Amino acid sequence: MIADYEPTANEVRSMWDRFGPVDIVWNINPNGTPQPEANEAGRELGCEVMKWEELKELLSRA
């Protein structure tokens, strides 16, 4: 989970380095949106960067 308003690629990579591989990086700030570079960094690492709406949709399909 990243609480920053608009997570950056560096924040995604830092979280990955700190906690290890993840499938989803969840931007929990309801007012912000991940930067396009954060989404690209997630793809490079093999994970998705998403907001609650996207995560909720994914979980509803599970």
PDB file of N, CA and C in Angstrom:
ATOM      1  N   MET A   1       0.838  -1.182   0.000  1.00  0.00           N
ATOM      2  CA  MET A   1       0.000   0.000   0.000  1.00  0.00           C
ATOM      3  C   MET A   1       0.883   1.246   0.000  1.00  0.00           C
ATOM      4  N   ILE A   2       0.527   2.174  -0.839  1.00  0.00           N
ATOM      5  CA  ILE A   2       1.211   3.462  -0.898  1.00  0.00           C
ATOM      6  C   ILE A   2       0.170   4.546  -0.647  1.00  0.00           C
ATOM      7  N   ALA A   3       0.414   5.383   0.355  1.00  0.00           N
ATOM      8  CA  ALA A   3      -0.552   6.408   0.739  1.00  0.00           C
ATOM      9  C   ALA A   3      -0.297   7.753   0.058  1.00  0.00           C
ATOM     10  N   ASP A   4       0.775   7.882  -0.693  1.00  0.00           N
ATOM     11  CA  ASP A   4       1.094   9.159  -1.318  1.00  0.00           C
ATOM     12  C   ASP A   4       0.005   9.588  -2.295  1.00  0.00           C
ATOM     13  N   TYR A   5      -0.113  10.887  -2.459  1.00  0.00           N
ATOM     14  CA  TYR A   5      -1.147  11.461  -3.322  1.00  0.00           C
ATOM     15  C   TYR A   5      -1.010  10.955  -4.752  1.00  0.00           C
ATOM     16  N   GLU A   6       0.166  11.086  -5.313  1.00  0.00           N
ATOM     17  CA  GLU A   6       0.435  10.623  -6.675  1.00  0.00           C
ATOM     18  C   GLU A   6       1.739   9.837  -6.669  1.00  0.00           C
ATOM     19  N   PRO A   7       1.661   8.526  -6.383  1.00  0.00           N
ATOM     20  CA  PRO A   7       2.881   7.719  -6.314  1.00  0.00           C
ATOM     21  C   PRO A   7       3.707   7.818  -7.592  1.00  0.00           C
ATOM     22  N   THR A   8       5.012   7.774  -7.414  1.00  0.00           N
ATOM     23  CA  THR A   8       5.947   7.850  -8.528  1.00  0.00           C
ATOM     24  C   THR A   8       6.587   6.482  -8.760  1.00  0.00           C
ATOM     25  N   ALA A   9       7.330   6.369  -9.849  1.00  0.00           N
ATOM     26  CA  ALA A   9       8.056   5.138 -10.150  1.00  0.00           C
ATOM     27  C   ALA A   9       9.036   4.815  -9.026  1.00  0.00           C
ATOM     28  N   ASN A  10       9.689   5.824  -8.484  1.00  0.00           N
ATOM     29  CA  ASN A  10      10.651   5.602  -7.412  1.00  0.00           C
ATOM     30  C   ASN A  10       9.974   4.997  -6.183  1.00  0.00           C
ATOM     31  N   GLU A  11       8.779   5.452  -5.858  1.00  0.00           N
ATOM     32  CA  GLU A  11       8.072   4.904  -4.699  1.00  0.00           C
ATOM     33  C   GLU A  11       7.672   3.454  -4.925  1.00  0.00           C
ATOM     34  N   VAL A  12       7.271   3.124  -6.147  1.00  0.00           N
ATOM     35  CA  VAL A  12       6.928   1.736  -6.468  1.00  0.00           C
ATOM     36  C   VAL A  12       8.162   0.853  -6.343  1.00  0.00           C
ATOM     37  N   ARG A  13       9.272   1.300  -6.914  1.00  0.00           N
ATOM     38  CA  ARG A  13      10.516   0.517  -6.826  1.00  0.00           C
ATOM     39  C   ARG A  13      11.019   0.404  -5.391  1.00  0.00           C
ATOM     40  N   SER A  14      10.899   1.471  -4.618  1.00  0.00           N
ATOM     41  CA  SER A  14      11.334   1.441  -3.216  1.00  0.00           C
ATOM     42  C   SER A  14      10.503   0.449  -2.407  1.00  0.00           C
ATOM     43  N   MET A  15       9.198   0.422  -2.655  1.00  0.00           N
ATOM     44  CA  MET A  15       8.346  -0.532  -1.955  1.00  0.00           C
ATOM     45  C   MET A  15       8.740  -1.956  -2.324  1.00  0.00           C
ATOM     46  N   TRP A  16       9.002  -2.199  -3.599  1.00  0.00           N
ATOM     47  CA  TRP A  16       9.415  -3.513  -4.084  1.00  0.00           C
ATOM     48  C   TRP A  16      10.728  -3.935  -3.408  1.00  0.00           C
ATOM     49  N   ASP A  17      11.683  -3.013  -3.347  1.00  0.00           N
ATOM     50  CA  ASP A  17      12.966  -3.305  -2.710  1.00  0.00           C
ATOM     51  C   ASP A  17      12.808  -3.588  -1.226  1.00  0.00           C
ATOM     52  N   ARG A  18      11.943  -2.864  -0.572  1.00  0.00           N
ATOM     53  CA  ARG A  18      11.773  -2.996   0.879  1.00  0.00           C
ATOM     54  C   ARG A  18      11.011  -4.259   1.268  1.00  0.00           C
ATOM     55  N   PHE A  19       9.938  -4.573   0.522  1.00  0.00           N
ATOM     56  CA  PHE A  19       9.057  -5.677   0.914  1.00  0.00           C
ATOM     57  C   PHE A  19       9.153  -6.898   0.023  1.00  0.00           C
ATOM     58  N   GLY A  20       9.865  -6.805  -1.083  1.00  0.00           N
ATOM     59  CA  GLY A  20       9.986  -7.930  -2.001  1.00  0.00           C
ATOM     60  C   GLY A  20       8.889  -7.906  -3.052  1.00  0.00           C
ATOM     61  N   PRO A  21       8.892  -8.937  -3.900  1.00  0.00           N
ATOM     62  CA  PRO A  21       7.927  -8.994  -4.996  1.00  0.00           C
ATOM     63  C   PRO A  21       6.480  -8.994  -4.513  1.00  0.00           C
ATOM     64  N   VAL A  22       5.662  -8.236  -5.206  1.00  0.00           N
ATOM     65  CA  VAL A  22       4.218  -8.178  -4.936  1.00  0.00           C
ATOM     66  C   VAL A  22       3.482  -8.257  -6.269  1.00  0.00           C
ATOM     67  N   ASP A  23       2.214  -8.617  -6.220  1.00  0.00           N
ATOM     68  CA  ASP A  23       1.392  -8.641  -7.428  1.00  0.00           C
ATOM     69  C   ASP A  23       0.711  -7.303  -7.668  1.00  0.00           C
ATOM     70  N   ILE A  24       0.382  -6.609  -6.564  1.00  0.00           N
ATOM     71  CA  ILE A  24      -0.373  -5.357  -6.653  1.00  0.00           C
ATOM     72  C   ILE A  24       0.238  -4.318  -5.727  1.00  0.00           C
ATOM     73  N   VAL A  25       0.412  -3.116  -6.251  1.00  0.00           N
ATOM     74  CA  VAL A  25       0.751  -1.950  -5.444  1.00  0.00           C
ATOM     75  C   VAL A  25      -0.520  -1.118  -5.402  1.00  0.00           C
ATOM     76  N   TRP A  26      -1.067  -0.974  -4.208  1.00  0.00           N
ATOM     77  CA  TRP A  26      -2.356  -0.315  -4.039  1.00  0.00           C
ATOM     78  C   TRP A  26      -2.152   1.105  -3.559  1.00  0.00           C
ATOM     79  N   ASN A  27      -2.590   2.077  -4.359  1.00  0.00           N
ATOM     80  CA  ASN A  27      -2.547   3.488  -3.981  1.00  0.00           C
ATOM     81  C   ASN A  27      -3.787   3.771  -3.135  1.00  0.00           C
ATOM     82  N   ILE A  28      -3.607   3.853  -1.813  1.00  0.00           N
ATOM     83  CA  ILE A  28      -4.744   3.960  -0.897  1.00  0.00           C
ATOM     84  C   ILE A  28      -5.227   5.387  -0.685  1.00  0.00           C
ATOM     85  N   ASN A  29      -4.529   6.380  -1.233  1.00  0.00           N
ATOM     86  CA  ASN A  29      -4.981   7.757  -1.098  1.00  0.00           C
ATOM     87  C   ASN A  29      -6.194   7.957  -2.003  1.00  0.00           C
ATOM     88  N   PRO A  30      -7.364   8.270  -1.446  1.00  0.00           N
ATOM     89  CA  PRO A  30      -8.565   8.366  -2.267  1.00  0.00           C
ATOM     90  C   PRO A  30      -8.585   9.572  -3.210  1.00  0.00           C
ATOM     91  N   ASN A  31      -7.716  10.526  -2.988  1.00  0.00           N
ATOM     92  CA  ASN A  31      -7.742  11.754  -3.788  1.00  0.00           C
ATOM     93  C   ASN A  31      -6.706  11.797  -4.900  1.00  0.00           C
ATOM     94  N   GLY A  32      -5.725  10.919  -4.850  1.00  0.00           N
ATOM     95  CA  GLY A  32      -4.645  10.966  -5.827  1.00  0.00           C
ATOM     96  C   GLY A  32      -4.761   9.891  -6.882  1.00  0.00           C
ATOM     97  N   THR A  33      -3.840   9.941  -7.826  1.00  0.00           N
ATOM     98  CA  THR A  33      -3.756   8.969  -8.897  1.00  0.00           C
ATOM     99  C   THR A  33      -2.280   8.674  -9.158  1.00  0.00           C
ATOM    100  N   PRO A  34      -1.923   7.403  -9.292  1.00  0.00           N
ATOM    101  CA  PRO A  34      -0.522   7.090  -9.576  1.00  0.00           C
ATOM    102  C   PRO A  34      -0.049   7.761 -10.867  1.00  0.00           C
ATOM    103  N   GLN A  35       1.179   8.224 -10.859  1.00  0.00           N
ATOM    104  CA  GLN A  35       1.784   8.804 -12.053  1.00  0.00           C
ATOM    105  C   GLN A  35       1.944   7.726 -13.128  1.00  0.00           C
ATOM    106  N   PRO A  36       1.879   8.088 -14.400  1.00  0.00           N
ATOM    107  CA  PRO A  36       2.089   7.098 -15.466  1.00  0.00           C
ATOM    108  C   PRO A  36       3.407   6.333 -15.303  1.00  0.00           C
ATOM    109  N   GLU A  37       4.433   7.009 -14.799  1.00  0.00           N
ATOM    110  CA  GLU A  37       5.721   6.361 -14.587  1.00  0.00           C
ATOM    111  C   GLU A  37       5.634   5.289 -13.501  1.00  0.00           C
ATOM    112  N   ALA A  38       4.750   5.472 -12.523  1.00  0.00           N
ATOM    113  CA  ALA A  38       4.553   4.456 -11.489  1.00  0.00           C
ATOM    114  C   ALA A  38       3.930   3.210 -12.098  1.00  0.00           C
ATOM    115  N   ASN A  39       2.970   3.400 -12.993  1.00  0.00           N
ATOM    116  CA  ASN A  39       2.364   2.261 -13.672  1.00  0.00           C
ATOM    117  C   ASN A  39       3.391   1.521 -14.521  1.00  0.00           C
ATOM    118  N   GLU A  40       4.243   2.262 -15.212  1.00  0.00           N
ATOM    119  CA  GLU A  40       5.282   1.649 -16.036  1.00  0.00           C
ATOM    120  C   GLU A  40       6.277   0.876 -15.178  1.00  0.00           C
ATOM    121  N   ALA A  41       6.678   1.453 -14.049  1.00  0.00           N
ATOM    122  CA  ALA A  41       7.595   0.764 -13.144  1.00  0.00           C
ATOM    123  C   ALA A  41       6.961  -0.532 -12.646  1.00  0.00           C
ATOM    124  N   GLY A  42       5.685  -0.482 -12.331  1.00  0.00           N
ATOM    125  CA  GLY A  42       4.992  -1.695 -11.906  1.00  0.00           C
ATOM    126  C   GLY A  42       5.024  -2.758 -12.988  1.00  0.00           C
ATOM    127  N   ARG A  43       4.741  -2.378 -14.229  1.00  0.00           N
ATOM    128  CA  ARG A  43       4.787  -3.339 -15.337  1.00  0.00           C
ATOM    129  C   ARG A  43       6.185  -3.929 -15.487  1.00  0.00           C
ATOM    130  N   GLU A  44       7.211  -3.089 -15.366  1.00  0.00           N
ATOM    131  CA  GLU A  44       8.596  -3.570 -15.472  1.00  0.00           C
ATOM    132  C   GLU A  44       8.916  -4.586 -14.381  1.00  0.00           C
ATOM    133  N   LEU A  45       8.346  -4.387 -13.197  1.00  0.00           N
ATOM    134  CA  LEU A  45       8.597  -5.293 -12.076  1.00  0.00           C
ATOM    135  C   LEU A  45       7.676  -6.515 -12.091  1.00  0.00           C
ATOM    136  N   GLY A  46       6.628  -6.461 -12.872  1.00  0.00           N
ATOM    137  CA  GLY A  46       5.693  -7.582 -12.948  1.00  0.00           C
ATOM    138  C   GLY A  46       4.517  -7.461 -12.012  1.00  0.00           C
ATOM    139  N   CYS A  47       4.145  -6.234 -11.671  1.00  0.00           N
ATOM    140  CA  CYS A  47       2.982  -6.032 -10.805  1.00  0.00           C
ATOM    141  C   CYS A  47       2.117  -4.911 -11.370  1.00  0.00           C
ATOM    142  N   GLU A  48       0.943  -4.749 -10.796  1.00  0.00           N
ATOM    143  CA  GLU A  48       0.030  -3.690 -11.222  1.00  0.00           C
ATOM    144  C   GLU A  48      -0.063  -2.634 -10.127  1.00  0.00           C
ATOM    145  N   VAL A  49      -0.147  -1.383 -10.548  1.00  0.00           N
ATOM    146  CA  VAL A  49      -0.368  -0.261  -9.641  1.00  0.00           C
ATOM    147  C   VAL A  49      -1.812   0.157  -9.835  1.00  0.00           C
ATOM    148  N   MET A  50      -2.606   0.140  -8.750  1.00  0.00           N
ATOM    149  CA  MET A  50      -4.028   0.431  -8.928  1.00  0.00           C
ATOM    150  C   MET A  50      -4.632   1.168  -7.753  1.00  0.00           C
ATOM    151  N   LYS A  51      -5.781   1.780  -8.048  1.00  0.00           N
ATOM    152  CA  LYS A  51      -6.602   2.468  -7.050  1.00  0.00           C
ATOM    153  C   LYS A  51      -7.638   1.479  -6.522  1.00  0.00           C
ATOM    154  N   TRP A  52      -8.412   1.897  -5.525  1.00  0.00           N
ATOM    155  CA  TRP A  52      -9.411   1.037  -4.904  1.00  0.00           C
ATOM    156  C   TRP A  52     -10.426   0.507  -5.905  1.00  0.00           C
ATOM    157  N   GLU A  53     -10.893   1.353  -6.812  1.00  0.00           N
ATOM    158  CA  GLU A  53     -11.910   0.918  -7.767  1.00  0.00           C
ATOM    159  C   GLU A  53     -11.422  -0.268  -8.594  1.00  0.00           C
ATOM    160  N   GLU A  54     -10.167  -0.202  -9.039  1.00  0.00           N
ATOM    161  CA  GLU A  54      -9.591  -1.291  -9.832  1.00  0.00           C
ATOM    162  C   GLU A  54      -9.400  -2.546  -8.987  1.00  0.00           C
ATOM    163  N   LEU A  55      -8.923  -2.359  -7.758  1.00  0.00           N
ATOM    164  CA  LEU A  55      -8.719  -3.499  -6.872  1.00  0.00           C
ATOM    165  C   LEU A  55     -10.050  -4.158  -6.531  1.00  0.00           C
ATOM    166  N   LYS A  56     -11.063  -3.357  -6.263  1.00  0.00           N
ATOM    167  CA  LYS A  56     -12.390  -3.896  -5.942  1.00  0.00           C
ATOM    168  C   LYS A  56     -12.930  -4.723  -7.108  1.00  0.00           C
ATOM    169  N   GLU A  57     -12.766  -4.238  -8.321  1.00  0.00           N
ATOM    170  CA  GLU A  57     -13.214  -4.970  -9.501  1.00  0.00           C
ATOM    171  C   GLU A  57     -12.467  -6.294  -9.637  1.00  0.00           C
ATOM    172  N   LEU A  58     -11.164  -6.256  -9.429  1.00  0.00           N
ATOM    173  CA  LEU A  58     -10.345  -7.466  -9.507  1.00  0.00           C
ATOM    174  C   LEU A  58     -10.790  -8.490  -8.460  1.00  0.00           C
ATOM    175  N   LEU A  59     -11.021  -8.040  -7.245  1.00  0.00           N
ATOM    176  CA  LEU A  59     -11.437  -8.950  -6.174  1.00  0.00           C
ATOM    177  C   LEU A  59     -12.826  -9.520  -6.428  1.00  0.00           C
ATOM    178  N   SER A  60     -13.694  -8.760  -7.054  1.00  0.00           N
ATOM    179  CA  SER A  60     -15.036  -9.253  -7.321  1.00  0.00           C
ATOM    180  C   SER A  60     -15.048 -10.374  -8.364  1.00  0.00           C
ATOM    181  N   ARG A  61     -14.008 -10.424  -9.185  1.00  0.00           N
ATOM    182  CA  ARG A  61     -13.906 -11.475 -10.194  1.00  0.00           C
ATOM    183  C   ARG A  61     -13.275 -12.735  -9.637  1.00  0.00           C
ATOM    184  N   ALA A  62     -12.672 -12.640  -8.462  1.00  0.00           N
ATOM    185  CA  ALA A  62     -11.949 -13.787  -7.886  1.00  0.00           C
ATOM    186  C   ALA A  62     -12.888 -14.804  -7.262  1.00  0.00           C
TER     187      ALA A  62
END
